[in-house]
């Protein structure tokens, strides 16, 4: 299955990516090259999903300019981010709104305007 990206001029072109074992080796090499800290927030994380916790987030390889927006799959276009930062950055790059969850009673949690009201 090929993935497509929109290049300048709205032309759909296949994205060149390594898959399988070679892709996994490339990912591990990039993670080791960048270290164990998030490039955005500086948190220390882990490369192993089984070891990831709230205190020790999973680190992922992020494309600075996404492949879908014309970026390349070169090492110079990658950085390591913790999973929460990766979700936020990807949402910003593609124009998505930040999700706000709800507690068991249906009230929004986190930084929601309703939570700032002091009454």
PDB file of N, CA and C in Angstrom:
ATOM      1  N   UNK A   1       0.843  -1.179   0.000  1.00  0.00           N
ATOM      2  CA  UNK A   1       0.000   0.000   0.000  1.00  0.00           C
ATOM      3  C   UNK A   1       0.884   1.236   0.000  1.00  0.00           C
ATOM      4  N   UNK A   2       0.695   2.102  -0.949  1.00  0.00           N
ATOM      5  CA  UNK A   2       1.468   3.331  -1.000  1.00  0.00           C
ATOM      6  C   UNK A   2       0.730   4.433  -0.274  1.00  0.00           C
ATOM      7  N   UNK A   3       1.493   5.295   0.367  1.00  0.00           N
ATOM      8  CA  UNK A   3       0.919   6.475   0.994  1.00  0.00           C
ATOM      9  C   UNK A   3       1.206   7.646   0.086  1.00  0.00           C
ATOM     10  N   UNK A   4       0.301   8.592   0.058  1.00  0.00           N
ATOM     11  CA  UNK A   4       0.463   9.722  -0.829  1.00  0.00           C
ATOM     12  C   UNK A   4       0.570  11.005  -0.021  1.00  0.00           C
ATOM     13  N   UNK A   5       1.297  11.946  -0.577  1.00  0.00           N
ATOM     14  CA  UNK A   5       1.421  13.271   0.008  1.00  0.00           C
ATOM     15  C   UNK A   5       1.112  14.283  -1.083  1.00  0.00           C
ATOM     16  N   UNK A   6       0.634  15.428  -0.684  1.00  0.00           N
ATOM     17  CA  UNK A   6       0.373  16.497  -1.631  1.00  0.00           C
ATOM     18  C   UNK A   6       1.611  17.380  -1.708  1.00  0.00           C
ATOM     19  N   UNK A   7       2.208  17.415  -2.855  1.00  0.00           N
ATOM     20  CA  UNK A   7       3.394  18.232  -3.098  1.00  0.00           C
ATOM     21  C   UNK A   7       2.945  19.592  -3.623  1.00  0.00           C
ATOM     22  N   UNK A   8       3.852  20.554  -3.671  1.00  0.00           N
ATOM     23  CA  UNK A   8       3.479  21.869  -4.215  1.00  0.00           C
ATOM     24  C   UNK A   8       2.780  21.726  -5.559  1.00  0.00           C
ATOM     25  N   UNK A   9       1.712  22.464  -5.734  1.00  0.00           N
ATOM     26  CA  UNK A   9       0.922  22.368  -6.949  1.00  0.00           C
ATOM     27  C   UNK A   9      -0.185  21.329  -6.840  1.00  0.00           C
ATOM     28  N   UNK A  10      -0.430  20.821  -5.614  1.00  0.00           N
ATOM     29  CA  UNK A  10      -1.480  19.835  -5.345  1.00  0.00           C
ATOM     30  C   UNK A  10      -1.329  18.559  -6.157  1.00  0.00           C
ATOM     31  N   UNK A  11      -0.105  18.143  -6.420  1.00  0.00           N
ATOM     32  CA  UNK A  11       0.126  16.894  -7.135  1.00  0.00           C
ATOM     33  C   UNK A  11       0.303  15.777  -6.124  1.00  0.00           C
ATOM     34  N   UNK A  12      -0.467  14.716  -6.297  1.00  0.00           N
ATOM     35  CA  UNK A  12      -0.368  13.558  -5.401  1.00  0.00           C
ATOM     36  C   UNK A  12       0.801  12.701  -5.832  1.00  0.00           C
ATOM     37  N   UNK A  13       1.770  12.519  -4.931  1.00  0.00           N
ATOM     38  CA  UNK A  13       2.934  11.711  -5.240  1.00  0.00           C
ATOM     39  C   UNK A  13       3.179  10.732  -4.104  1.00  0.00           C
ATOM     40  N   UNK A  14       3.687   9.536  -4.421  1.00  0.00           N
ATOM     41  CA  UNK A  14       3.957   8.578  -3.353  1.00  0.00           C
ATOM     42  C   UNK A  14       5.061   9.079  -2.418  1.00  0.00           C
ATOM     43  N   UNK A  15       4.914   8.790  -1.137  1.00  0.00           N
ATOM     44  CA  UNK A  15       5.915   9.149  -0.141  1.00  0.00           C
ATOM     45  C   UNK A  15       6.922   8.019  -0.053  1.00  0.00           C
ATOM     46  N   UNK A  16       8.183   8.348  -0.170  1.00  0.00           N
ATOM     47  CA  UNK A  16       9.248   7.352  -0.084  1.00  0.00           C
ATOM     48  C   UNK A  16       9.567   7.101   1.389  1.00  0.00           C
ATOM     49  N   UNK A  17       9.285   5.887   1.872  1.00  0.00           N
ATOM     50  CA  UNK A  17       9.563   5.526   3.262  1.00  0.00           C
ATOM     51  C   UNK A  17      10.072   4.104   3.319  1.00  0.00           C
ATOM     52  N   UNK A  18      10.920   3.874   4.303  1.00  0.00           N
ATOM     53  CA  UNK A  18      11.359   2.503   4.551  1.00  0.00           C
ATOM     54  C   UNK A  18      10.289   1.788   5.349  1.00  0.00           C
ATOM     55  N   UNK A  19      10.066   0.548   5.063  1.00  0.00           N
ATOM     56  CA  UNK A  19       9.079  -0.260   5.773  1.00  0.00           C
ATOM     57  C   UNK A  19       9.762  -1.489   6.352  1.00  0.00           C
ATOM     58  N   UNK A  20       9.076  -2.171   7.241  1.00  0.00           N
ATOM     59  CA  UNK A  20       9.561  -3.439   7.782  1.00  0.00           C
ATOM     60  C   UNK A  20      10.787  -3.283   8.663  1.00  0.00           C
ATOM     61  N   UNK A  21      11.663  -4.286   8.624  1.00  0.00           N
ATOM     62  CA  UNK A  21      12.839  -4.328   9.488  1.00  0.00           C
ATOM     63  C   UNK A  21      13.765  -3.126   9.255  1.00  0.00           C
ATOM     64  N   UNK A  22      13.946  -2.740   7.991  1.00  0.00           N
ATOM     65  CA  UNK A  22      14.809  -1.592   7.700  1.00  0.00           C
ATOM     66  C   UNK A  22      14.219  -0.311   8.268  1.00  0.00           C
ATOM     67  N   UNK A  23      12.903  -0.181   8.226  1.00  0.00           N
ATOM     68  CA  UNK A  23      12.237   0.981   8.811  1.00  0.00           C
ATOM     69  C   UNK A  23      12.392   1.016  10.323  1.00  0.00           C
ATOM     70  N   UNK A  24      12.300  -0.145  10.969  1.00  0.00           N
ATOM     71  CA  UNK A  24      12.484  -0.223  12.421  1.00  0.00           C
ATOM     72  C   UNK A  24      13.912   0.125  12.808  1.00  0.00           C
ATOM     73  N   UNK A  25      14.881  -0.344  12.029  1.00  0.00           N
ATOM     74  CA  UNK A  25      16.279  -0.028  12.306  1.00  0.00           C
ATOM     75  C   UNK A  25      16.542   1.465  12.132  1.00  0.00           C
ATOM     76  N   UNK A  26      15.923   2.060  11.118  1.00  0.00           N
ATOM     77  CA  UNK A  26      16.076   3.499  10.905  1.00  0.00           C
ATOM     78  C   UNK A  26      15.489   4.280  12.080  1.00  0.00           C
ATOM     79  N   UNK A  27      14.319   3.875  12.560  1.00  0.00           N
ATOM     80  CA  UNK A  27      13.669   4.544  13.691  1.00  0.00           C
ATOM     81  C   UNK A  27      14.546   4.466  14.935  1.00  0.00           C
ATOM     82  N   UNK A  28      15.074   3.279  15.240  1.00  0.00           N
ATOM     83  CA  UNK A  28      15.915   3.107  16.419  1.00  0.00           C
ATOM     84  C   UNK A  28      17.195   3.935  16.300  1.00  0.00           C
ATOM     85  N   UNK A  29      17.790   3.974  15.108  1.00  0.00           N
ATOM     86  CA  UNK A  29      18.997   4.780  14.896  1.00  0.00           C
ATOM     87  C   UNK A  29      18.712   6.253  15.136  1.00  0.00           C
ATOM     88  N   UNK A  30      17.571   6.736  14.663  1.00  0.00           N
ATOM     89  CA  UNK A  30      17.202   8.145  14.857  1.00  0.00           C
ATOM     90  C   UNK A  30      16.941   8.442  16.332  1.00  0.00           C
ATOM     91  N   UNK A  31      16.267   7.531  17.019  1.00  0.00           N
ATOM     92  CA  UNK A  31      16.015   7.732  18.447  1.00  0.00           C
ATOM     93  C   UNK A  31      17.329   7.800  19.229  1.00  0.00           C
ATOM     94  N   UNK A  32      18.254   6.900  18.927  1.00  0.00           N
ATOM     95  CA  UNK A  32      19.540   6.891  19.622  1.00  0.00           C
ATOM     96  C   UNK A  32      20.351   8.147  19.316  1.00  0.00           C
ATOM     97  N   UNK A  33      20.267   8.628  18.089  1.00  0.00           N
ATOM     98  CA  UNK A  33      21.023   9.813  17.696  1.00  0.00           C
ATOM     99  C   UNK A  33      20.537  11.066  18.416  1.00  0.00           C
ATOM    100  N   UNK A  34      19.239  11.145  18.694  1.00  0.00           N
ATOM    101  CA  UNK A  34      18.671  12.336  19.326  1.00  0.00           C
ATOM    102  C   UNK A  34      18.676  12.261  20.853  1.00  0.00           C
ATOM    103  N   UNK A  35      18.886  11.101  21.425  1.00  0.00           N
ATOM    104  CA  UNK A  35      18.900  10.985  22.882  1.00  0.00           C
ATOM    105  C   UNK A  35      17.548  10.626  23.461  1.00  0.00           C
ATOM    106  N   UNK A  36      17.439  10.732  24.782  1.00  0.00           N
ATOM    107  CA  UNK A  36      16.226  10.292  25.478  1.00  0.00           C
ATOM    108  C   UNK A  36      15.384  11.455  25.998  1.00  0.00           C
ATOM    109  N   UNK A  37      15.567  12.654  25.438  1.00  0.00           N
ATOM    110  CA  UNK A  37      14.773  13.795  25.877  1.00  0.00           C
ATOM    111  C   UNK A  37      13.936  14.338  24.719  1.00  0.00           C
ATOM    112  N   UNK A  38      12.779  14.852  25.055  1.00  0.00           N
ATOM    113  CA  UNK A  38      11.874  15.453  24.080  1.00  0.00           C
ATOM    114  C   UNK A  38      12.465  16.782  23.604  1.00  0.00           C
ATOM    115  N   UNK A  39      12.485  17.000  22.298  1.00  0.00           N
ATOM    116  CA  UNK A  39      13.034  18.232  21.741  1.00  0.00           C
ATOM    117  C   UNK A  39      12.147  19.438  22.023  1.00  0.00           C
ATOM    118  N   UNK A  40      10.905  19.228  22.395  1.00  0.00           N
ATOM    119  CA  UNK A  40       9.978  20.338  22.628  1.00  0.00           C
ATOM    120  C   UNK A  40       9.886  20.723  24.097  1.00  0.00           C
ATOM    121  N   UNK A  41       9.676  19.741  24.975  1.00  0.00           N
ATOM    122  CA  UNK A  41       9.466  20.065  26.398  1.00  0.00           C
ATOM    123  C   UNK A  41      10.633  19.664  27.288  1.00  0.00           C
ATOM    124  N   UNK A  42      11.552  18.844  26.768  1.00  0.00           N
ATOM    125  CA  UNK A  42      12.729  18.457  27.541  1.00  0.00           C
ATOM    126  C   UNK A  42      12.521  17.297  28.503  1.00  0.00           C
ATOM    127  N   UNK A  43      11.335  16.679  28.496  1.00  0.00           N
ATOM    128  CA  UNK A  43      11.089  15.542  29.384  1.00  0.00           C
ATOM    129  C   UNK A  43      11.910  14.341  28.959  1.00  0.00           C
ATOM    130  N   UNK A  44      12.358  13.582  29.925  1.00  0.00           N
ATOM    131  CA  UNK A  44      13.069  12.337  29.652  1.00  0.00           C
ATOM    132  C   UNK A  44      12.026  11.265  29.383  1.00  0.00           C
ATOM    133  N   UNK A  45      12.262  10.440  28.359  1.00  0.00           N
ATOM    134  CA  UNK A  45      11.304   9.417  27.992  1.00  0.00           C
ATOM    135  C   UNK A  45      11.974   8.097  27.692  1.00  0.00           C
ATOM    136  N   UNK A  46      11.210   7.185  27.136  1.00  0.00           N
ATOM    137  CA  UNK A  46      11.705   5.856  26.794  1.00  0.00           C
ATOM    138  C   UNK A  46      11.336   5.523  25.356  1.00  0.00           C
ATOM    139  N   UNK A  47      12.096   4.611  24.750  1.00  0.00           N
ATOM    140  CA  UNK A  47      11.812   4.170  23.386  1.00  0.00           C
ATOM    141  C   UNK A  47      10.909   2.955  23.383  1.00  0.00           C
ATOM    142  N   UNK A  48      10.788   2.264  24.518  1.00  0.00           N
ATOM    143  CA  UNK A  48      10.019   1.020  24.595  1.00  0.00           C
ATOM    144  C   UNK A  48       8.599   1.299  25.069  1.00  0.00           C
ATOM    145  N   UNK A  49       7.614   0.916  24.267  1.00  0.00           N
ATOM    146  CA  UNK A  49       6.210   1.165  24.626  1.00  0.00           C
ATOM    147  C   UNK A  49       5.831   0.496  25.942  1.00  0.00           C
ATOM    148  N   UNK A  50       6.387  -0.685  26.219  1.00  0.00           N
ATOM    149  CA  UNK A  50       6.048  -1.416  27.443  1.00  0.00           C
ATOM    150  C   UNK A  50       6.536  -0.691  28.700  1.00  0.00           C
ATOM    151  N   UNK A  51       7.570   0.140  28.580  1.00  0.00           N
ATOM    152  CA  UNK A  51       8.115   0.856  29.738  1.00  0.00           C
ATOM    153  C   UNK A  51       7.488   2.231  29.921  1.00  0.00           C
ATOM    154  N   UNK A  52       6.694   2.695  28.971  1.00  0.00           N
ATOM    155  CA  UNK A  52       6.132   4.040  29.018  1.00  0.00           C
ATOM    156  C   UNK A  52       5.092   4.167  30.121  1.00  0.00           C
ATOM    157  N   UNK A  53       5.176   5.262  30.878  1.00  0.00           N
ATOM    158  CA  UNK A  53       4.212   5.601  31.928  1.00  0.00           C
ATOM    159  C   UNK A  53       3.940   7.099  31.816  1.00  0.00           C
ATOM    160  N   UNK A  54       3.097   7.633  32.722  1.00  0.00           N
ATOM    161  CA  UNK A  54       2.863   9.080  32.731  1.00  0.00           C
ATOM    162  C   UNK A  54       4.136   9.829  33.089  1.00  0.00           C
ATOM    163  N   UNK A  55       4.932   9.252  33.995  1.00  0.00           N
ATOM    164  CA  UNK A  55       6.172   9.899  34.419  1.00  0.00           C
ATOM    165  C   UNK A  55       7.290   9.707  33.391  1.00  0.00           C
ATOM    166  N   UNK A  56       7.227   8.637  32.615  1.00  0.00           N
ATOM    167  CA  UNK A  56       8.255   8.331  31.613  1.00  0.00           C
ATOM    168  C   UNK A  56       7.552   8.089  30.273  1.00  0.00           C
ATOM    169  N   UNK A  57       7.277   9.177  29.518  1.00  0.00           N
ATOM    170  CA  UNK A  57       6.484   9.024  28.291  1.00  0.00           C
ATOM    171  C   UNK A  57       7.248   8.329  27.178  1.00  0.00           C
ATOM    172  N   UNK A  58       6.496   7.803  26.228  1.00  0.00           N
ATOM    173  CA  UNK A  58       7.069   7.174  25.051  1.00  0.00           C
ATOM    174  C   UNK A  58       7.641   8.254  24.139  1.00  0.00           C
ATOM    175  N   UNK A  59       8.825   8.023  23.588  1.00  0.00           N
ATOM    176  CA  UNK A  59       9.433   8.941  22.630  1.00  0.00           C
ATOM    177  C   UNK A  59       9.151   8.452  21.217  1.00  0.00           C
ATOM    178  N   UNK A  60       8.823   9.377  20.325  1.00  0.00           N
ATOM    179  CA  UNK A  60       8.536   9.031  18.941  1.00  0.00           C
ATOM    180  C   UNK A  60       9.346   9.928  18.017  1.00  0.00           C
ATOM    181  N   UNK A  61       9.638   9.409  16.819  1.00  0.00           N
ATOM    182  CA  UNK A  61      10.328  10.202  15.812  1.00  0.00           C
ATOM    183  C   UNK A  61       9.279  11.039  15.079  1.00  0.00           C
ATOM    184  N   UNK A  62       9.484  12.343  15.054  1.00  0.00           N
ATOM    185  CA  UNK A  62       8.549  13.270  14.422  1.00  0.00           C
ATOM    186  C   UNK A  62       9.228  13.925  13.227  1.00  0.00           C
ATOM    187  N   UNK A  63       8.499  14.069  12.142  1.00  0.00           N
ATOM    188  CA  UNK A  63       9.010  14.809  10.985  1.00  0.00           C
ATOM    189  C   UNK A  63       8.692  16.287  11.198  1.00  0.00           C
ATOM    190  N   UNK A  64       9.711  17.128  11.173  1.00  0.00           N
ATOM    191  CA  UNK A  64       9.538  18.563  11.401  1.00  0.00           C
ATOM    192  C   UNK A  64       8.565  19.124  10.367  1.00  0.00           C
ATOM    193  N   UNK A  65       8.812  18.852   9.103  1.00  0.00           N
ATOM    194  CA  UNK A  65       7.840  19.143   8.043  1.00  0.00           C
ATOM    195  C   UNK A  65       7.212  17.803   7.682  1.00  0.00           C
ATOM    196  N   UNK A  66       5.932  17.606   8.000  1.00  0.00           N
ATOM    197  CA  UNK A  66       5.307  16.299   7.780  1.00  0.00           C
ATOM    198  C   UNK A  66       5.434  15.821   6.337  1.00  0.00           C
ATOM    199  N   UNK A  67       5.540  14.515   6.183  1.00  0.00           N
ATOM    200  CA  UNK A  67       5.619  13.930   4.845  1.00  0.00           C
ATOM    201  C   UNK A  67       4.391  14.308   4.025  1.00  0.00           C
ATOM    202  N   UNK A  68       3.238  14.357   4.668  1.00  0.00           N
ATOM    203  CA  UNK A  68       1.995  14.680   3.971  1.00  0.00           C
ATOM    204  C   UNK A  68       1.957  16.125   3.490  1.00  0.00           C
ATOM    205  N   UNK A  69       2.832  16.978   4.057  1.00  0.00           N
ATOM    206  CA  UNK A  69       2.880  18.379   3.644  1.00  0.00           C
ATOM    207  C   UNK A  69       4.119  18.682   2.817  1.00  0.00           C
ATOM    208  N   UNK A  70       4.747  17.636   2.277  1.00  0.00           N
ATOM    209  CA  UNK A  70       5.876  17.838   1.376  1.00  0.00           C
ATOM    210  C   UNK A  70       7.245  17.664   2.008  1.00  0.00           C
ATOM    211  N   UNK A  71       7.322  17.246   3.268  1.00  0.00           N
ATOM    212  CA  UNK A  71       8.607  17.027   3.926  1.00  0.00           C
ATOM    213  C   UNK A  71       9.298  15.777   3.414  1.00  0.00           C
ATOM    214  N   UNK A  72      10.581  15.674   3.718  1.00  0.00           N
ATOM    215  CA  UNK A  72      11.355  14.513   3.284  1.00  0.00           C
ATOM    216  C   UNK A  72      11.540  13.557   4.455  1.00  0.00           C
ATOM    217  N   UNK A  73      11.942  12.342   4.142  1.00  0.00           N
ATOM    218  CA  UNK A  73      12.188  11.345   5.182  1.00  0.00           C
ATOM    219  C   UNK A  73      13.682  11.289   5.527  1.00  0.00           C
ATOM    220  N   UNK A  74      14.355  12.435   5.444  1.00  0.00           N
ATOM    221  CA  UNK A  74      15.770  12.534   5.782  1.00  0.00           C
ATOM    222  C   UNK A  74      15.939  12.735   7.278  1.00  0.00           C
ATOM    223  N   UNK A  75      17.119  12.379   7.790  1.00  0.00           N
ATOM    224  CA  UNK A  75      17.408  12.575   9.213  1.00  0.00           C
ATOM    225  C   UNK A  75      17.342  14.051   9.601  1.00  0.00           C
ATOM    226  N   UNK A  76      17.701  14.944   8.685  1.00  0.00           N
ATOM    227  CA  UNK A  76      17.693  16.374   8.994  1.00  0.00           C
ATOM    228  C   UNK A  76      16.275  16.917   9.190  1.00  0.00           C
ATOM    229  N   UNK A  77      15.265  16.180   8.768  1.00  0.00           N
ATOM    230  CA  UNK A  77      13.872  16.601   8.911  1.00  0.00           C
ATOM    231  C   UNK A  77      13.176  15.862  10.051  1.00  0.00           C
ATOM    232  N   UNK A  78      13.942  15.261  10.964  1.00  0.00           N
ATOM    233  CA  UNK A  78      13.333  14.535  12.085  1.00  0.00           C
ATOM    234  C   UNK A  78      13.814  15.081  13.412  1.00  0.00           C
ATOM    235  N   UNK A  79      13.006  14.849  14.424  1.00  0.00           N
ATOM    236  CA  UNK A  79      13.344  15.167  15.811  1.00  0.00           C
ATOM    237  C   UNK A  79      12.631  14.154  16.680  1.00  0.00           C
ATOM    238  N   UNK A  80      13.012  14.077  17.944  1.00  0.00           N
ATOM    239  CA  UNK A  80      12.377  13.147  18.873  1.00  0.00           C
ATOM    240  C   UNK A  80      11.485  13.944  19.813  1.00  0.00           C
ATOM    241  N   UNK A  81      10.218  13.532  19.900  1.00  0.00           N
ATOM    242  CA  UNK A  81       9.252  14.167  20.794  1.00  0.00           C
ATOM    243  C   UNK A  81       8.621  13.117  21.692  1.00  0.00           C
ATOM    244  N   UNK A  82       8.201  13.543  22.898  1.00  0.00           N
ATOM    245  CA  UNK A  82       7.418  12.634  23.732  1.00  0.00           C
ATOM    246  C   UNK A  82       6.026  12.537  23.099  1.00  0.00           C
ATOM    247  N   UNK A  83       5.307  11.482  23.415  1.00  0.00           N
ATOM    248  CA  UNK A  83       4.017  11.253  22.760  1.00  0.00           C
ATOM    249  C   UNK A  83       3.027  12.402  22.975  1.00  0.00           C
ATOM    250  N   UNK A  84       2.910  12.986  24.202  1.00  0.00           N
ATOM    251  CA  UNK A  84       1.979  14.113  24.352  1.00  0.00           C
ATOM    252  C   UNK A  84       2.343  15.308  23.463  1.00  0.00           C
ATOM    253  N   UNK A  85       3.635  15.629  23.362  1.00  0.00           N
ATOM    254  CA  UNK A  85       4.055  16.738  22.490  1.00  0.00           C
ATOM    255  C   UNK A  85       3.806  16.402  21.025  1.00  0.00           C
ATOM    256  N   UNK A  86       4.033  15.148  20.654  1.00  0.00           N
ATOM    257  CA  UNK A  86       3.807  14.729  19.268  1.00  0.00           C
ATOM    258  C   UNK A  86       2.345  14.894  18.880  1.00  0.00           C
ATOM    259  N   UNK A  87       1.442  14.546  19.771  1.00  0.00           N
ATOM    260  CA  UNK A  87       0.008  14.700  19.499  1.00  0.00           C
ATOM    261  C   UNK A  87      -0.328  16.181  19.316  1.00  0.00           C
ATOM    262  N   UNK A  88       0.199  17.045  20.198  1.00  0.00           N
ATOM    263  CA  UNK A  88      -0.074  18.483  20.104  1.00  0.00           C
ATOM    264  C   UNK A  88       0.498  19.087  18.823  1.00  0.00           C
ATOM    265  N   UNK A  89       1.756  18.763  18.494  1.00  0.00           N
ATOM    266  CA  UNK A  89       2.409  19.317  17.304  1.00  0.00           C
ATOM    267  C   UNK A  89       1.690  18.870  16.039  1.00  0.00           C
ATOM    268  N   UNK A  90       1.322  17.600  15.967  1.00  0.00           N
ATOM    269  CA  UNK A  90       0.627  17.092  14.785  1.00  0.00           C
ATOM    270  C   UNK A  90      -0.722  17.785  14.617  1.00  0.00           C
ATOM    271  N   UNK A  91      -1.432  17.995  15.713  1.00  0.00           N
ATOM    272  CA  UNK A  91      -2.718  18.694  15.643  1.00  0.00           C
ATOM    273  C   UNK A  91      -2.527  20.127  15.143  1.00  0.00           C
ATOM    274  N   UNK A  92      -1.480  20.810  15.622  1.00  0.00           N
ATOM    275  CA  UNK A  92      -1.210  22.178  15.169  1.00  0.00           C
ATOM    276  C   UNK A  92      -0.880  22.204  13.679  1.00  0.00           C
ATOM    277  N   UNK A  93      -0.042  21.274  13.221  1.00  0.00           N
ATOM    278  CA  UNK A  93       0.393  21.262  11.831  1.00  0.00           C
ATOM    279  C   UNK A  93      -0.746  21.011  10.858  1.00  0.00           C
ATOM    280  N   UNK A  94      -1.718  20.219  11.268  1.00  0.00           N
ATOM    281  CA  UNK A  94      -2.815  19.872  10.372  1.00  0.00           C
ATOM    282  C   UNK A  94      -4.109  20.632  10.686  1.00  0.00           C
ATOM    283  N   UNK A  95      -4.040  21.611  11.582  1.00  0.00           N
ATOM    284  CA  UNK A  95      -5.185  22.469  11.862  1.00  0.00           C
ATOM    285  C   UNK A  95      -6.295  21.819  12.660  1.00  0.00           C
ATOM    286  N   UNK A  96      -5.979  20.814  13.465  1.00  0.00           N
ATOM    287  CA  UNK A  96      -6.994  20.161  14.282  1.00  0.00           C
ATOM    288  C   UNK A  96      -7.112  20.858  15.626  1.00  0.00           C
ATOM    289  N   UNK A  97      -8.310  20.795  16.193  1.00  0.00           N
ATOM    290  CA  UNK A  97      -8.511  21.354  17.528  1.00  0.00           C
ATOM    291  C   UNK A  97      -7.982  20.390  18.572  1.00  0.00           C
ATOM    292  N   UNK A  98      -7.563  20.927  19.691  1.00  0.00           N
ATOM    293  CA  UNK A  98      -7.093  20.107  20.796  1.00  0.00           C
ATOM    294  C   UNK A  98      -8.294  19.453  21.475  1.00  0.00           C
ATOM    295  N   UNK A  99      -8.182  18.160  21.728  1.00  0.00           N
ATOM    296  CA  UNK A  99      -9.285  17.448  22.386  1.00  0.00           C
ATOM    297  C   UNK A  99      -9.290  17.737  23.874  1.00  0.00           C
ATOM    298  N   UNK A 100     -10.485  17.916  24.402  1.00  0.00           N
ATOM    299  CA  UNK A 100     -10.648  18.121  25.834  1.00  0.00           C
ATOM    300  C   UNK A 100     -11.562  17.018  26.331  1.00  0.00           C
ATOM    301  N   UNK A 101     -11.084  16.244  27.285  1.00  0.00           N
ATOM    302  CA  UNK A 101     -11.865  15.138  27.817  1.00  0.00           C
ATOM    303  C   UNK A 101     -12.878  15.586  28.849  1.00  0.00           C
ATOM    304  N   UNK A 102     -13.682  14.647  29.298  1.00  0.00           N
ATOM    305  CA  UNK A 102     -14.707  14.905  30.309  1.00  0.00           C
ATOM    306  C   UNK A 102     -14.525  13.941  31.467  1.00  0.00           C
ATOM    307  N   UNK A 103     -14.937  14.386  32.658  1.00  0.00           N
ATOM    308  CA  UNK A 103     -14.891  13.488  33.811  1.00  0.00           C
ATOM    309  C   UNK A 103     -16.142  12.607  33.812  1.00  0.00           C
ATOM    310  N   UNK A 104     -16.318  11.815  34.840  1.00  0.00           N
ATOM    311  CA  UNK A 104     -17.435  10.867  34.878  1.00  0.00           C
ATOM    312  C   UNK A 104     -18.793  11.562  34.919  1.00  0.00           C
ATOM    313  N   UNK A 105     -18.841  12.823  35.376  1.00  0.00           N
ATOM    314  CA  UNK A 105     -20.093  13.565  35.427  1.00  0.00           C
ATOM    315  C   UNK A 105     -20.376  14.341  34.145  1.00  0.00           C
ATOM    316  N   UNK A 106     -19.451  14.277  33.174  1.00  0.00           N
ATOM    317  CA  UNK A 106     -19.658  14.970  31.919  1.00  0.00           C
ATOM    318  C   UNK A 106     -19.076  16.369  31.865  1.00  0.00           C
ATOM    319  N   UNK A 107     -18.413  16.810  32.939  1.00  0.00           N
ATOM    320  CA  UNK A 107     -17.797  18.135  32.947  1.00  0.00           C
ATOM    321  C   UNK A 107     -16.434  18.069  32.265  1.00  0.00           C
ATOM    322  N   UNK A 108     -16.077  19.115  31.510  1.00  0.00           N
ATOM    323  CA  UNK A 108     -14.778  19.104  30.833  1.00  0.00           C
ATOM    324  C   UNK A 108     -13.628  19.170  31.828  1.00  0.00           C
ATOM    325  N   UNK A 109     -12.545  18.479  31.489  1.00  0.00           N
ATOM    326  CA  UNK A 109     -11.364  18.512  32.353  1.00  0.00           C
ATOM    327  C   UNK A 109     -10.255  19.279  31.638  1.00  0.00           C
ATOM    328  N   UNK A 110      -9.263  19.665  32.383  1.00  0.00           N
ATOM    329  CA  UNK A 110      -8.137  20.383  31.803  1.00  0.00           C
ATOM    330  C   UNK A 110      -8.408  21.869  31.694  1.00  0.00           C
ATOM    331  N   UNK A 111      -7.753  22.511  30.724  1.00  0.00           N
ATOM    332  CA  UNK A 111      -7.834  23.959  30.554  1.00  0.00           C
ATOM    333  C   UNK A 111      -9.021  24.330  29.669  1.00  0.00           C
ATOM    334  N   UNK A 112     -10.212  24.185  30.221  1.00  0.00           N
ATOM    335  CA  UNK A 112     -11.446  24.521  29.517  1.00  0.00           C
ATOM    336  C   UNK A 112     -12.019  25.787  30.143  1.00  0.00           C
ATOM    337  N   UNK A 113     -12.636  26.681  29.353  1.00  0.00           N
ATOM    338  CA  UNK A 113     -13.171  27.929  29.912  1.00  0.00           C
ATOM    339  C   UNK A 113     -14.127  27.718  31.082  1.00  0.00           C
ATOM    340  N   UNK A 114     -14.900  26.643  31.089  1.00  0.00           N
ATOM    341  CA  UNK A 114     -15.819  26.407  32.190  1.00  0.00           C
ATOM    342  C   UNK A 114     -15.080  26.157  33.499  1.00  0.00           C
ATOM    343  N   UNK A 115     -13.872  25.622  33.408  1.00  0.00           N
ATOM    344  CA  UNK A 115     -13.092  25.330  34.610  1.00  0.00           C
ATOM    345  C   UNK A 115     -12.418  26.575  35.182  1.00  0.00           C
ATOM    346  N   UNK A 116     -12.411  27.654  34.429  1.00  0.00           N
ATOM    347  CA  UNK A 116     -11.785  28.895  34.901  1.00  0.00           C
ATOM    348  C   UNK A 116     -12.776  29.775  35.660  1.00  0.00           C
ATOM    349  N   UNK A 117     -14.034  29.428  35.591  1.00  0.00           N
ATOM    350  CA  UNK A 117     -15.058  30.241  36.257  1.00  0.00           C
ATOM    351  C   UNK A 117     -14.961  30.077  37.765  1.00  0.00           C
ATOM    352  N   UNK A 118     -14.939  31.178  38.462  1.00  0.00           N
ATOM    353  CA  UNK A 118     -14.889  31.175  39.929  1.00  0.00           C
ATOM    354  C   UNK A 118     -16.206  31.740  40.429  1.00  0.00           C
ATOM    355  N   UNK A 119     -17.014  30.918  41.047  1.00  0.00           N
ATOM    356  CA  UNK A 119     -18.320  31.419  41.435  1.00  0.00           C
ATOM    357  C   UNK A 119     -18.701  31.171  42.833  1.00  0.00           C
TER     358      UNK A 119
END
